[in-house]
Amino acid sequence: MTILDTFKSRHLFEDMTSPELEKALEKPVTVYAGFDPTNDSLQAGNFVTIMALAHLQRAGHKVIALVGGATGLIGDPSGKSVERNLLSAEQVAHNLEGIKENLSRFIDFSPSSPNPAIMVNNYDWFKDITFIELLRDTGRYFRMGTMLSKDSVKKRMEAEDGMSFTEFCYQILQGYDFLHLHRTHGCTMQIGGSDQWGNITAGTELVRRVCAKEVFGMTFPLVCDSTGKKFGKSEGNAIFLDARKTSVYDFYQFFLRAMDADVIRYLKIFTFLPMERITELEQAVASAPEKREAQQVLAEELTRAVHGEGGLAIAKQTTEVLFGGSVEGLSAATLEAIFANVPSATLAPADVIGKPAFEVIAAAGMVASKSEARRLVQQGGLNINSVRAPGLEKTFETVDFIEGRLAVLRSGKKNFFLLKIP
């Protein structure tokens, strides 16, 4: 199976600039993909590009991850209906560090690797190019008719706010990226989402005009669920690869909740599972959908890939605890990771130890008032470390605090609260 066959079978192929690409890929080529530094963490939509690069690296091709430190200061209009807010140089520099960390989890950049990937920042070559030089040496190869015919440009030109000259020039900058990487690294291929087609062809055409060489572009579909909703920041459902932005539990649960109509496609796109195993899971979805075996495998594979075995363990423990499991045996640190996003309060030991539980939870802010707290405890609705408080006579004791500093409180089925003492 060729690398293109792999892409096609895993829903990672939509179009290519020339059928000659298939022949070119019979030998190792140098390929790059760009990452937009508008955030200090990549998200699930970016993971498609990462997986494509990882497949290429595994197949023996040289991989370049380009982070747009310069183009990020401009903003890519592709797929956007309004102009982005321009980032400051300081914001871009901060975001670059986060993206570097994300990428290093999936792509082998180690110098000791037999085929190490490299990371580049296009600010390194754009910072010394003057506007006059860019117009004289690069702009003359771009034709207005071609630039205006790009879908990303036409859609914006038809919008109420139109398109700024800043954004219009984006395709020149991205095209120059390809030219620079071709000259310095022998790069002959760029990959990206289908919304990048116009920018990719701007680069292939520029290299052809300047160097009289054929280079290639390949796109893959934007990932959407079966309702057409995409994993995009603009859609309000971004699933980040950084646990500080999307907890390991939320990440795990997002894929665990995948619909039957989507889960097999997600397994093909987001994992390296053999196709034979995915076929087995597809049969399981058809014969026993209630078991959700494919969703379980998807959530485990992705959480392990993104957050490691430790992150997967936390996600599973969180799931068990949140759905009625016991906190017994879990460390305070693990519980703090599990409940990182729930309300919490820290009270002095003198205000907690030996005090009635209903008074303490009212003082901590778990409930709105002391009367509400009294009613909750009296009706048996308060759980401390998975054990129901027996009644109003219950007082907090040192033994109620895991490692002497943390208690997990719950009212109802899923209303959790962390009570801490220093």
Protein backbone atom coordinates (compact mmCIF):
# COMPACT_ATOMS: atom_id res chain seq x y z
CA MET A 1 0.00 0.00 0.00
CA THR A 2 1.41 3.40 -1.00
CA ILE A 3 1.27 6.43 1.28
CA LEU A 4 -1.47 7.90 -0.92
CA ASP A 5 -3.44 4.67 -0.54
CA THR A 6 -3.05 5.04 3.22
CA PHE A 7 -4.32 8.61 3.10
CA LYS A 8 -7.29 7.68 0.93
CA SER A 9 -8.28 4.73 3.10
CA ARG A 10 -8.11 6.88 6.24
CA HIS A 11 -10.09 9.89 4.95
CA LEU A 12 -6.90 11.94 4.84
CA PHE A 13 -7.03 12.76 1.13
CA GLU A 14 -9.17 15.21 -0.80
CA ASP A 15 -7.15 16.58 -3.72
CA MET A 16 -3.65 16.98 -5.15
CA THR A 17 -2.15 19.46 -7.54
CA SER A 18 -0.86 16.84 -9.97
CA PRO A 19 -1.27 13.09 -10.51
CA GLU A 20 2.53 12.99 -10.75
CA LEU A 21 2.60 13.28 -6.95
CA GLU A 22 1.92 9.56 -6.62
CA LYS A 23 5.07 8.75 -8.59
CA ALA A 24 7.09 11.37 -6.71
CA LEU A 25 6.15 9.74 -3.40
CA GLU A 26 7.72 6.46 -4.48
CA LYS A 27 10.97 7.97 -3.20
CA PRO A 28 11.55 10.02 -0.03
CA VAL A 29 10.47 13.64 -0.44
CA THR A 30 10.57 16.63 1.88
CA VAL A 31 7.10 17.79 2.88
CA TYR A 32 5.84 20.61 5.06
CA ALA A 33 2.67 21.74 6.76
CA GLY A 34 1.97 25.05 8.41
CA PHE A 35 0.46 25.74 11.81
CA ASP A 36 -1.28 29.00 12.66
CA PRO A 37 -0.06 30.50 15.98
CA THR A 38 -3.34 32.16 16.93
CA ASN A 39 -3.44 30.14 20.16
CA ASP A 40 -0.83 28.67 22.49
CA SER A 41 -2.32 25.20 22.01
CA LEU A 42 -3.26 23.20 18.95
CA GLN A 43 -6.67 21.54 18.88
CA ALA A 44 -8.36 18.48 17.42
CA GLY A 45 -8.70 20.04 13.98
CA ASN A 46 -4.92 20.46 13.84
CA PHE A 47 -4.48 16.83 14.81
CA VAL A 48 -5.47 15.85 11.26
CA THR A 49 -2.43 17.70 9.91
CA ILE A 50 -0.25 16.20 12.63
CA MET A 51 -1.42 12.68 11.75
CA ALA A 52 -0.73 13.28 8.06
CA LEU A 53 2.81 14.43 8.86
CA ALA A 54 3.28 11.46 11.19
CA HIS A 55 2.19 9.02 8.47
CA LEU A 56 4.63 10.63 6.04
CA GLN A 57 7.48 10.50 8.54
CA ARG A 58 6.77 6.83 9.28
CA ALA A 59 6.87 6.16 5.53
CA GLY A 60 10.39 7.59 5.35
CA HIS A 61 9.68 11.10 4.10
CA LYS A 62 11.37 14.18 5.55
CA VAL A 63 8.91 16.27 7.55
CA ILE A 64 8.97 20.01 8.24
CA ALA A 65 6.56 21.64 10.67
CA LEU A 66 6.32 25.33 9.86
CA VAL A 67 4.96 27.62 12.54
CA GLY A 68 3.78 30.91 11.06
CA GLY A 69 5.44 33.42 13.31
CA ALA A 70 5.31 35.98 10.48
CA THR A 71 2.08 35.02 8.73
CA GLY A 72 0.44 34.78 12.15
CA LEU A 73 0.98 38.51 12.46
CA ILE A 74 -1.15 38.95 9.31
CA GLY A 75 -3.94 36.38 9.62
CA ASP A 76 -5.07 33.76 7.12
CA PRO A 77 -8.43 34.67 5.50
CA SER A 78 -9.11 31.07 4.41
CA GLY A 79 -12.43 29.83 5.71
CA LYS A 80 -13.12 33.10 7.54
CA SER A 81 -16.03 35.45 7.01
CA VAL A 82 -14.47 38.34 8.92
CA GLU A 83 -10.94 39.60 9.38
CA ARG A 84 -9.07 38.20 12.34
CA ASN A 85 -7.80 40.36 15.13
CA LEU A 86 -4.11 40.89 14.46
CA LEU A 87 -1.77 39.42 17.04
CA SER A 88 1.13 41.25 18.60
CA ALA A 89 4.66 39.92 18.19
CA GLU A 90 4.65 39.07 21.91
CA GLN A 91 1.44 37.05 21.61
CA VAL A 92 2.80 35.12 18.64
CA ALA A 93 6.07 34.36 20.46
CA HIS A 94 4.12 33.03 23.45
CA ASN A 95 1.88 30.89 21.24
CA LEU A 96 4.86 29.43 19.39
CA GLU A 97 6.20 27.90 22.58
CA GLY A 98 2.92 26.11 23.26
CA ILE A 99 2.68 24.79 19.72
CA LYS A 100 6.24 23.48 19.85
CA GLU A 101 5.35 21.50 22.96
CA ASN A 102 2.20 20.10 21.35
CA LEU A 103 3.93 18.98 18.17
CA SER A 104 6.80 17.31 19.99
CA ARG A 105 4.36 14.76 21.45
CA PHE A 106 3.49 13.31 18.05
CA ILE A 107 6.35 13.97 15.64
CA ASP A 108 9.91 12.80 16.20
CA PHE A 109 12.21 15.83 16.25
CA SER A 110 15.07 14.03 18.01
CA PRO A 111 18.44 14.66 16.30
CA SER A 112 19.35 11.05 17.07
CA SER A 113 16.38 9.77 15.07
CA PRO A 114 17.21 8.15 11.70
CA ASN A 115 14.68 10.51 10.10
CA PRO A 116 14.18 13.53 12.37
CA ALA A 117 11.55 16.12 11.62
CA ILE A 118 12.50 19.78 11.81
CA MET A 119 10.57 22.81 12.94
CA VAL A 120 10.91 26.23 11.33
CA ASN A 121 9.42 29.65 11.99
CA ASN A 122 8.78 31.77 8.92
CA TYR A 123 9.46 34.92 10.92
CA ASP A 124 13.13 33.93 10.72
CA TRP A 125 13.25 34.66 6.98
CA PHE A 126 10.56 37.32 6.68
CA LYS A 127 11.95 39.62 9.36
CA ASP A 128 14.81 40.76 7.12
CA ILE A 129 12.81 41.18 3.88
CA THR A 130 11.70 44.73 3.10
CA PHE A 131 8.36 45.52 1.52
CA ILE A 132 10.12 46.73 -1.63
CA GLU A 133 12.12 43.50 -1.87
CA LEU A 134 8.98 41.39 -1.47
CA LEU A 135 7.17 43.32 -4.23
CA ARG A 136 10.16 43.35 -6.58
CA ASP A 137 11.44 39.79 -6.10
CA THR A 138 8.24 37.88 -5.34
CA GLY A 139 5.13 39.96 -6.02
CA ARG A 140 5.90 40.21 -9.74
CA TYR A 141 5.26 36.46 -10.13
CA PHE A 142 1.67 36.75 -8.87
CA ARG A 143 -1.14 37.64 -11.27
CA MET A 144 -4.12 39.63 -9.99
CA GLY A 145 -6.63 37.53 -11.93
CA THR A 146 -5.37 34.35 -10.33
CA MET A 147 -5.24 35.87 -6.86
CA LEU A 148 -8.78 37.24 -7.15
CA SER A 149 -10.09 33.88 -8.37
CA LYS A 150 -9.15 32.09 -5.13
CA ASP A 151 -12.24 30.93 -3.24
CA SER A 152 -10.94 32.37 0.02
CA VAL A 153 -10.67 35.78 -1.67
CA LYS A 154 -13.95 35.68 -3.61
CA LYS A 155 -16.00 34.80 -0.55
CA ARG A 156 -14.51 37.64 1.43
CA MET A 157 -14.87 40.14 -1.41
CA GLU A 158 -18.58 39.36 -1.50
CA ALA A 159 -18.95 39.87 2.27
CA GLU A 160 -20.19 43.13 3.71
CA ASP A 161 -16.83 44.13 5.17
CA GLY A 162 -14.85 43.03 2.15
CA MET A 163 -11.19 42.10 2.49
CA SER A 164 -8.22 44.13 3.59
CA PHE A 165 -5.04 44.43 1.55
CA THR A 166 -3.24 42.85 4.51
CA GLU A 167 -5.22 39.62 4.20
CA PHE A 168 -5.12 39.73 0.41
CA CYS A 169 -1.33 39.50 0.59
CA TYR A 170 -1.42 36.39 2.77
CA GLN A 171 -1.20 34.04 -0.20
CA ILE A 172 1.98 35.79 -1.35
CA LEU A 173 3.59 35.19 2.02
CA GLN A 174 2.55 31.55 2.20
CA GLY A 175 3.65 31.03 -1.38
CA TYR A 176 7.04 32.47 -0.48
CA ASP A 177 7.27 29.99 2.44
CA PHE A 178 7.17 27.12 -0.06
CA LEU A 179 9.78 28.82 -2.26
CA HIS A 180 12.09 29.39 0.72
CA LEU A 181 11.76 25.80 1.95
CA HIS A 182 12.32 24.50 -1.57
CA ARG A 183 15.53 26.50 -1.84
CA THR A 184 16.86 25.75 1.65
CA HIS A 185 15.58 22.22 2.35
CA GLY A 186 14.68 20.81 -1.06
CA CYS A 187 11.02 20.75 -0.05
CA THR A 188 8.76 19.54 -2.87
CA MET A 189 5.40 19.03 -1.18
CA GLN A 190 2.99 20.96 1.02
CA ILE A 191 -0.05 19.48 2.77
CA GLY A 192 -3.00 21.16 4.45
CA GLY A 193 -6.75 21.19 4.92
CA SER A 194 -9.04 21.69 1.96
CA ASP A 195 -9.48 25.34 2.92
CA GLN A 196 -5.76 25.82 2.19
CA TRP A 197 -6.00 24.86 -1.49
CA GLY A 198 -5.64 28.43 -2.73
CA ASN A 199 -2.59 29.11 -0.56
CA ILE A 200 -0.98 25.79 -1.49
CA THR A 201 -1.41 26.34 -5.24
CA ALA A 202 0.01 29.86 -4.84
CA GLY A 203 3.18 28.21 -3.53
CA THR A 204 3.42 25.48 -6.17
CA GLU A 205 2.95 28.08 -8.92
CA LEU A 206 5.57 30.41 -7.43
CA VAL A 207 8.17 27.64 -7.24
CA ARG A 208 7.38 26.64 -10.83
CA ARG A 209 7.82 30.21 -12.07
CA VAL A 210 10.97 31.02 -10.11
CA CYS A 211 12.79 27.68 -10.12
CA ALA A 212 11.26 25.97 -13.16
CA LYS A 213 10.57 22.93 -10.95
CA GLU A 214 7.38 21.03 -10.34
CA VAL A 215 6.40 20.78 -6.70
CA PHE A 216 3.22 19.37 -5.26
CA GLY A 217 0.36 20.08 -2.92
CA MET A 218 -2.10 17.74 -1.26
CA THR A 219 -5.17 18.53 0.83
CA PHE A 220 -7.31 16.53 3.22
CA PRO A 221 -10.92 17.12 4.24
CA LEU A 222 -11.77 19.32 7.19
CA VAL A 223 -13.02 17.06 9.97
CA CYS A 224 -16.74 17.38 10.61
CA ASP A 225 -19.20 15.20 12.46
CA SER A 226 -22.16 13.62 10.70
CA THR A 227 -24.23 16.78 11.26
CA GLY A 228 -21.67 18.94 9.44
CA LYS A 229 -20.26 20.57 12.57
CA LYS A 230 -16.48 20.94 12.39
CA PHE A 231 -13.80 20.81 15.06
CA GLY A 232 -12.99 24.48 14.69
CA LYS A 233 -12.28 27.24 17.16
CA SER A 234 -14.95 29.35 15.47
CA GLU A 235 -17.56 26.65 16.04
CA GLY A 236 -17.37 26.97 19.82
CA ASN A 237 -16.46 23.33 20.42
CA ALA A 238 -12.68 23.37 20.21
CA ILE A 239 -11.01 20.39 21.85
CA PHE A 240 -7.50 21.49 22.70
CA LEU A 241 -4.45 19.25 23.02
CA ASP A 242 -3.35 21.09 26.16
CA ALA A 243 -4.84 19.83 29.42
CA ARG A 244 -4.90 23.39 30.76
CA LYS A 245 -7.49 24.30 28.12
CA THR A 246 -9.35 21.01 27.74
CA SER A 247 -9.06 18.67 30.71
CA VAL A 248 -8.06 15.07 30.06
CA TYR A 249 -11.52 14.04 31.26
CA ASP A 250 -13.30 16.38 28.84
CA PHE A 251 -10.97 15.28 26.02
CA TYR A 252 -11.67 11.61 26.78
CA GLN A 253 -15.41 12.16 27.10
CA PHE A 254 -15.60 14.14 23.84
CA PHE A 255 -14.44 11.14 21.82
CA LEU A 256 -16.28 8.66 24.05
CA ARG A 257 -19.48 10.49 23.04
CA ALA A 258 -18.76 10.13 19.31
CA MET A 259 -21.84 9.13 17.34
CA ASP A 260 -22.00 5.71 15.72
CA ALA A 261 -22.10 7.46 12.33
CA ASP A 262 -18.73 9.12 13.04
CA VAL A 263 -16.67 6.81 15.22
CA ILE A 264 -15.18 4.55 12.53
CA ARG A 265 -14.14 7.53 10.42
CA TYR A 266 -12.53 9.10 13.50
CA LEU A 267 -10.62 5.88 14.22
CA LYS A 268 -9.23 5.96 10.68
CA ILE A 269 -8.25 9.63 10.82
CA PHE A 270 -6.99 10.03 14.37
CA THR A 271 -5.32 6.70 15.18
CA PHE A 272 -2.68 4.35 13.83
CA LEU A 273 -4.81 1.29 14.52
CA PRO A 274 -4.51 -1.31 11.74
CA MET A 275 -7.37 -1.21 9.28
CA GLU A 276 -8.18 -4.83 10.15
CA ARG A 277 -8.82 -3.82 13.77
CA ILE A 278 -10.95 -0.88 12.66
CA THR A 279 -13.01 -3.24 10.48
CA GLU A 280 -13.62 -5.40 13.55
CA LEU A 281 -14.79 -2.36 15.47
CA GLU A 282 -17.04 -1.36 12.58
CA GLN A 283 -18.70 -4.77 12.80
CA ALA A 284 -19.09 -4.29 16.55
CA VAL A 285 -20.87 -0.98 15.97
CA ALA A 286 -23.27 -2.71 13.60
CA SER A 287 -23.94 -5.77 15.78
CA ALA A 288 -23.80 -4.34 19.31
CA PRO A 289 -23.92 -0.53 19.21
CA GLU A 290 -25.08 -0.36 22.84
CA LYS A 291 -21.65 -1.62 24.01
CA ARG A 292 -19.93 1.39 22.37
CA GLU A 293 -16.73 -0.61 22.00
CA ALA A 294 -15.47 1.51 19.11
CA GLN A 295 -16.02 4.72 21.08
CA GLN A 296 -14.14 3.26 24.04
CA VAL A 297 -11.18 2.35 21.84
CA LEU A 298 -11.23 5.76 20.14
CA ALA A 299 -11.26 7.65 23.44
CA GLU A 300 -8.47 5.50 24.89
CA GLU A 301 -6.24 5.67 21.82
CA LEU A 302 -6.54 9.44 21.46
CA THR A 303 -6.20 10.25 25.15
CA ARG A 304 -3.12 8.03 25.38
CA ALA A 305 -1.60 9.65 22.27
CA VAL A 306 -2.25 13.20 23.47
CA HIS A 307 -1.89 12.93 27.26
CA GLY A 308 0.08 9.72 27.80
CA GLU A 309 -0.73 6.72 29.98
CA GLY A 310 -0.93 8.97 33.04
CA GLY A 311 -3.50 11.21 31.41
CA LEU A 312 -5.55 8.23 30.29
CA ALA A 313 -5.52 6.83 33.83
CA ILE A 314 -6.77 10.17 35.18
CA ALA A 315 -9.52 10.32 32.54
CA LYS A 316 -10.70 6.82 33.44
CA GLN A 317 -10.52 7.48 37.17
CA THR A 318 -12.44 10.71 36.69
CA THR A 319 -15.12 8.88 34.73
CA GLU A 320 -15.48 6.26 37.45
CA VAL A 321 -15.66 8.82 40.25
CA LEU A 322 -18.04 11.14 38.46
CA PHE A 323 -20.39 8.28 37.70
CA GLY A 324 -20.63 7.04 41.26
CA GLY A 325 -17.29 5.33 41.84
CA SER A 326 -15.34 5.60 45.06
CA VAL A 327 -12.43 7.97 45.64
CA GLU A 328 -10.85 5.41 47.97
CA GLY A 329 -7.19 4.81 47.21
CA LEU A 330 -6.76 7.93 45.10
CA SER A 331 -4.12 10.44 46.14
CA ALA A 332 -4.88 14.09 46.84
CA ALA A 333 -2.82 15.09 43.80
CA THR A 334 -4.80 12.73 41.56
CA LEU A 335 -8.08 14.04 42.92
CA GLU A 336 -6.97 17.62 42.31
CA ALA A 337 -6.21 16.68 38.70
CA ILE A 338 -9.55 14.88 38.35
CA PHE A 339 -11.50 17.80 39.80
CA ALA A 340 -9.40 20.58 38.35
CA ASN A 341 -12.47 22.31 36.91
CA VAL A 342 -14.94 21.98 39.79
CA PRO A 343 -15.61 24.68 42.43
CA SER A 344 -13.37 24.59 45.48
CA ALA A 345 -12.59 26.48 48.66
CA THR A 346 -9.79 26.52 51.22
CA LEU A 347 -10.69 27.08 54.88
CA ALA A 348 -8.54 27.24 57.98
CA PRO A 349 -8.49 23.97 59.98
CA ALA A 350 -9.96 25.79 62.98
CA ASP A 351 -13.02 26.64 60.87
CA VAL A 352 -13.51 23.05 59.73
CA ILE A 353 -12.31 20.37 62.16
CA GLY A 354 -14.97 19.56 64.73
CA LYS A 355 -17.51 21.88 63.08
CA PRO A 356 -20.95 20.74 61.84
CA ALA A 357 -20.76 19.73 58.19
CA PHE A 358 -23.72 21.91 57.19
CA GLU A 359 -22.06 25.01 58.66
CA VAL A 360 -18.77 24.27 56.91
CA ILE A 361 -20.23 23.76 53.44
CA ALA A 362 -22.21 26.99 53.81
CA ALA A 363 -19.08 28.88 54.85
CA ALA A 364 -17.14 27.33 51.94
CA GLY A 365 -19.74 28.47 49.42
CA MET A 366 -20.79 25.03 48.29
CA VAL A 367 -24.40 26.12 48.80
CA ALA A 368 -25.97 29.55 48.90
CA SER A 369 -27.01 29.69 52.56
CA LYS A 370 -26.82 27.92 55.91
CA SER A 371 -30.50 27.00 55.72
CA GLU A 372 -29.95 25.35 52.33
CA ALA A 373 -26.92 23.54 53.75
CA ARG A 374 -28.93 22.33 56.75
CA ARG A 375 -31.70 21.03 54.49
CA LEU A 376 -29.22 19.26 52.20
CA VAL A 377 -27.51 17.41 55.04
CA GLN A 378 -30.74 16.65 56.84
CA GLN A 379 -32.18 15.02 53.71
CA GLY A 380 -29.07 12.88 53.19
CA GLY A 381 -27.94 14.76 50.10
CA LEU A 382 -24.32 15.42 51.10
CA ASN A 383 -21.57 12.92 50.30
CA ILE A 384 -18.06 13.24 51.72
CA ASN A 385 -15.45 11.18 49.84
CA SER A 386 -18.24 9.03 48.34
CA VAL A 387 -19.81 8.35 51.76
CA ARG A 388 -23.19 9.87 52.64
CA ALA A 389 -23.18 12.23 55.62
CA PRO A 390 -25.44 10.58 58.24
CA GLY A 391 -27.26 13.75 59.30
CA LEU A 392 -27.00 17.09 61.02
CA GLU A 393 -24.84 15.58 63.75
CA LYS A 394 -22.05 15.00 61.22
CA THR A 395 -18.93 17.06 61.91
CA PHE A 396 -15.78 17.31 59.84
CA GLU A 397 -12.83 15.44 61.34
CA THR A 398 -9.21 15.14 60.27
CA VAL A 399 -9.92 11.63 58.97
CA ASP A 400 -12.30 13.14 56.39
CA PHE A 401 -9.41 14.84 54.62
CA ILE A 402 -7.31 12.80 52.19
CA GLU A 403 -3.66 13.19 53.11
CA GLY A 404 -4.91 15.65 55.72
CA ARG A 405 -5.74 18.36 53.21
CA LEU A 406 -8.56 17.58 50.78
CA ALA A 407 -12.16 16.29 50.88
CA VAL A 408 -14.35 15.56 47.87
CA LEU A 409 -17.91 16.70 48.49
CA ARG A 410 -20.91 15.89 46.33
CA SER A 411 -24.56 16.91 46.32
CA GLY A 412 -26.93 15.22 43.94
CA LYS A 413 -25.44 12.96 41.30
CA LYS A 414 -22.81 15.19 39.71
CA ASN A 415 -22.43 18.39 41.74
CA PHE A 416 -18.88 18.14 43.08
CA PHE A 417 -16.96 20.50 45.33
CA LEU A 418 -13.41 20.32 46.71
CA LEU A 419 -12.87 21.39 50.30
CA LYS A 420 -9.25 22.01 51.21
CA ILE A 421 -7.44 22.82 54.43
CA PRO A 422 -3.83 24.03 54.48
